[in-house]
Amino acid sequence: MAKYKLEFKLKVVKEYLEGNIGYASLAKKYNIKSEAEIRRWVNAYKTQGYEGLEVKRKNNKYTLEFKLNTVNLYLTGEMSYQS
């Protein structure tokens, strides 16, 4: 389960975007440990909208063959690390 609910994040982000309160004040007001957390929410919302605030955790399972092929493509220079 996520530490903060989507609706709560949206409320905090919208309050920040209204321009009346800064990161530090919001963190104190809502008892959020870090201003950086709010900054991440705001940036995610600005770039991706509502979906940027959703938690996207998915455990992908890859076969050994896929992993070896991926490493081989990287080592031969056919694919970058990020690809």
C-alpha atoms as a PDB file:
ATOM      1  CA  MET A   1       0.000   0.000   0.000  1.00  0.00           C
ATOM      2  CA  ALA A   2       1.212   3.490  -0.804  1.00  0.00           C
ATOM      3  CA  LYS A   3       2.155   5.781   2.044  1.00  0.00           C
ATOM      4  CA  TYR A   4      -0.001   8.609   0.716  1.00  0.00           C
ATOM      5  CA  LYS A   5      -3.312   8.201  -1.075  1.00  0.00           C
ATOM      6  CA  LEU A   6      -3.726   9.614  -4.569  1.00  0.00           C
ATOM      7  CA  GLU A   7      -6.434  12.050  -3.477  1.00  0.00           C
ATOM      8  CA  PHE A   8      -4.181  13.439  -0.726  1.00  0.00           C
ATOM      9  CA  LYS A   9      -1.277  13.967  -3.133  1.00  0.00           C
ATOM     10  CA  LEU A  10      -3.589  15.752  -5.558  1.00  0.00           C
ATOM     11  CA  LYS A  11      -4.889  18.015  -2.787  1.00  0.00           C
ATOM     12  CA  VAL A  12      -1.345  19.002  -1.762  1.00  0.00           C
ATOM     13  CA  VAL A  13      -0.216  19.550  -5.357  1.00  0.00           C
ATOM     14  CA  LYS A  14      -3.215  21.717  -6.184  1.00  0.00           C
ATOM     15  CA  GLU A  15      -2.672  23.765  -3.043  1.00  0.00           C
ATOM     16  CA  TYR A  16       0.935  24.352  -4.093  1.00  0.00           C
ATOM     17  CA  LEU A  17      -0.040  25.252  -7.659  1.00  0.00           C
ATOM     18  CA  GLU A  18      -2.486  27.873  -6.404  1.00  0.00           C
ATOM     19  CA  GLY A  19       0.659  29.758  -5.425  1.00  0.00           C
ATOM     20  CA  ASN A  20      -0.236  30.701  -1.868  1.00  0.00           C
ATOM     21  CA  ILE A  21       2.056  28.284  -0.028  1.00  0.00           C
ATOM     22  CA  GLY A  22       5.513  26.807  -0.573  1.00  0.00           C
ATOM     23  CA  TYR A  23       6.978  23.323  -0.246  1.00  0.00           C
ATOM     24  CA  ALA A  24       8.258  23.782   3.312  1.00  0.00           C
ATOM     25  CA  SER A  25       4.968  25.180   4.582  1.00  0.00           C
ATOM     26  CA  LEU A  26       2.985  22.375   2.953  1.00  0.00           C
ATOM     27  CA  ALA A  27       5.288  19.752   4.441  1.00  0.00           C
ATOM     28  CA  LYS A  28       4.781  21.251   7.883  1.00  0.00           C
ATOM     29  CA  LYS A  29       1.026  21.721   7.446  1.00  0.00           C
ATOM     30  CA  TYR A  30       0.400  18.114   6.377  1.00  0.00           C
ATOM     31  CA  ASN A  31       3.189  16.528   8.440  1.00  0.00           C
ATOM     32  CA  ILE A  32       5.082  15.252   5.392  1.00  0.00           C
ATOM     33  CA  LYS A  33       8.688  14.350   6.203  1.00  0.00           C
ATOM     34  CA  SER A  34      10.339  15.909   3.198  1.00  0.00           C
ATOM     35  CA  GLU A  35       9.771  18.909   0.978  1.00  0.00           C
ATOM     36  CA  ALA A  36      11.390  16.859  -1.786  1.00  0.00           C
ATOM     37  CA  GLU A  37       8.435  14.463  -1.686  1.00  0.00           C
ATOM     38  CA  ILE A  38       6.044  17.304  -2.496  1.00  0.00           C
ATOM     39  CA  ARG A  39       8.411  18.622  -5.157  1.00  0.00           C
ATOM     40  CA  ARG A  40       8.377  15.172  -6.835  1.00  0.00           C
ATOM     41  CA  TRP A  41       4.573  15.108  -6.748  1.00  0.00           C
ATOM     42  CA  VAL A  42       4.348  18.561  -8.286  1.00  0.00           C
ATOM     43  CA  ASN A  43       6.843  17.718 -11.043  1.00  0.00           C
ATOM     44  CA  ALA A  44       5.090  14.429 -11.784  1.00  0.00           C
ATOM     45  CA  TYR A  45       1.742  16.206 -11.976  1.00  0.00           C
ATOM     46  CA  LYS A  46       3.108  18.930 -14.237  1.00  0.00           C
ATOM     47  CA  THR A  47       4.659  16.457 -16.677  1.00  0.00           C
ATOM     48  CA  GLN A  48       2.163  13.562 -16.587  1.00  0.00           C
ATOM     49  CA  GLY A  49      -0.998  14.971 -15.077  1.00  0.00           C
ATOM     50  CA  TYR A  50      -3.175  12.951 -12.706  1.00  0.00           C
ATOM     51  CA  GLU A  51      -1.541   9.684 -13.795  1.00  0.00           C
ATOM     52  CA  GLY A  52       1.858  10.977 -12.651  1.00  0.00           C
ATOM     53  CA  LEU A  53       0.693  10.792  -9.043  1.00  0.00           C
ATOM     54  CA  GLU A  54      -0.379   7.154  -9.244  1.00  0.00           C
ATOM     55  CA  VAL A  55       1.893   4.506  -7.777  1.00  0.00           C
ATOM     56  CA  LYS A  56       3.137   2.245 -10.534  1.00  0.00           C
ATOM     57  CA  ARG A  57       4.778  -0.776  -9.014  1.00  0.00           C
ATOM     58  CA  LYS A  58       4.910  -3.916 -11.011  1.00  0.00           C
ATOM     59  CA  ASN A  59       7.263  -6.823 -10.485  1.00  0.00           C
ATOM     60  CA  ASN A  60       8.351  -7.958 -13.908  1.00  0.00           C
ATOM     61  CA  LYS A  61       9.680 -11.474 -14.284  1.00  0.00           C
ATOM     62  CA  TYR A  62      12.101 -12.125 -17.117  1.00  0.00           C
ATOM     63  CA  THR A  63      13.429 -15.453 -18.331  1.00  0.00           C
ATOM     64  CA  LEU A  64      17.112 -16.304 -18.081  1.00  0.00           C
ATOM     65  CA  GLU A  65      17.290 -16.368 -21.885  1.00  0.00           C
ATOM     66  CA  PHE A  66      15.886 -12.835 -22.109  1.00  0.00           C
ATOM     67  CA  LYS A  67      18.345 -11.543 -19.487  1.00  0.00           C
ATOM     68  CA  LEU A  68      21.353 -13.153 -21.194  1.00  0.00           C
ATOM     69  CA  ASN A  69      20.276 -11.812 -24.575  1.00  0.00           C
ATOM     70  CA  THR A  70      19.879  -8.310 -23.131  1.00  0.00           C
ATOM     71  CA  VAL A  71      23.336  -8.387 -21.553  1.00  0.00           C
ATOM     72  CA  ASN A  72      24.819  -9.685 -24.801  1.00  0.00           C
ATOM     73  CA  LEU A  73      23.205  -6.864 -26.806  1.00  0.00           C
ATOM     74  CA  TYR A  74      24.665  -4.327 -24.373  1.00  0.00           C
ATOM     75  CA  LEU A  75      28.143  -5.880 -24.410  1.00  0.00           C
ATOM     76  CA  THR A  76      28.269  -6.007 -28.210  1.00  0.00           C
ATOM     77  CA  GLY A  77      27.252  -2.363 -28.425  1.00  0.00           C
ATOM     78  CA  GLU A  78      23.992  -3.072 -30.253  1.00  0.00           C
ATOM     79  CA  MET A  79      21.941  -1.603 -27.414  1.00  0.00           C
ATOM     80  CA  SER A  80      22.553   1.099 -24.818  1.00  0.00           C
ATOM     81  CA  TYR A  81      22.246   0.551 -21.079  1.00  0.00           C
ATOM     82  CA  GLN A  82      18.989   2.517 -20.952  1.00  0.00           C
ATOM     83  CA  SER A  83      17.479   0.642 -23.890  1.00  0.00           C
END
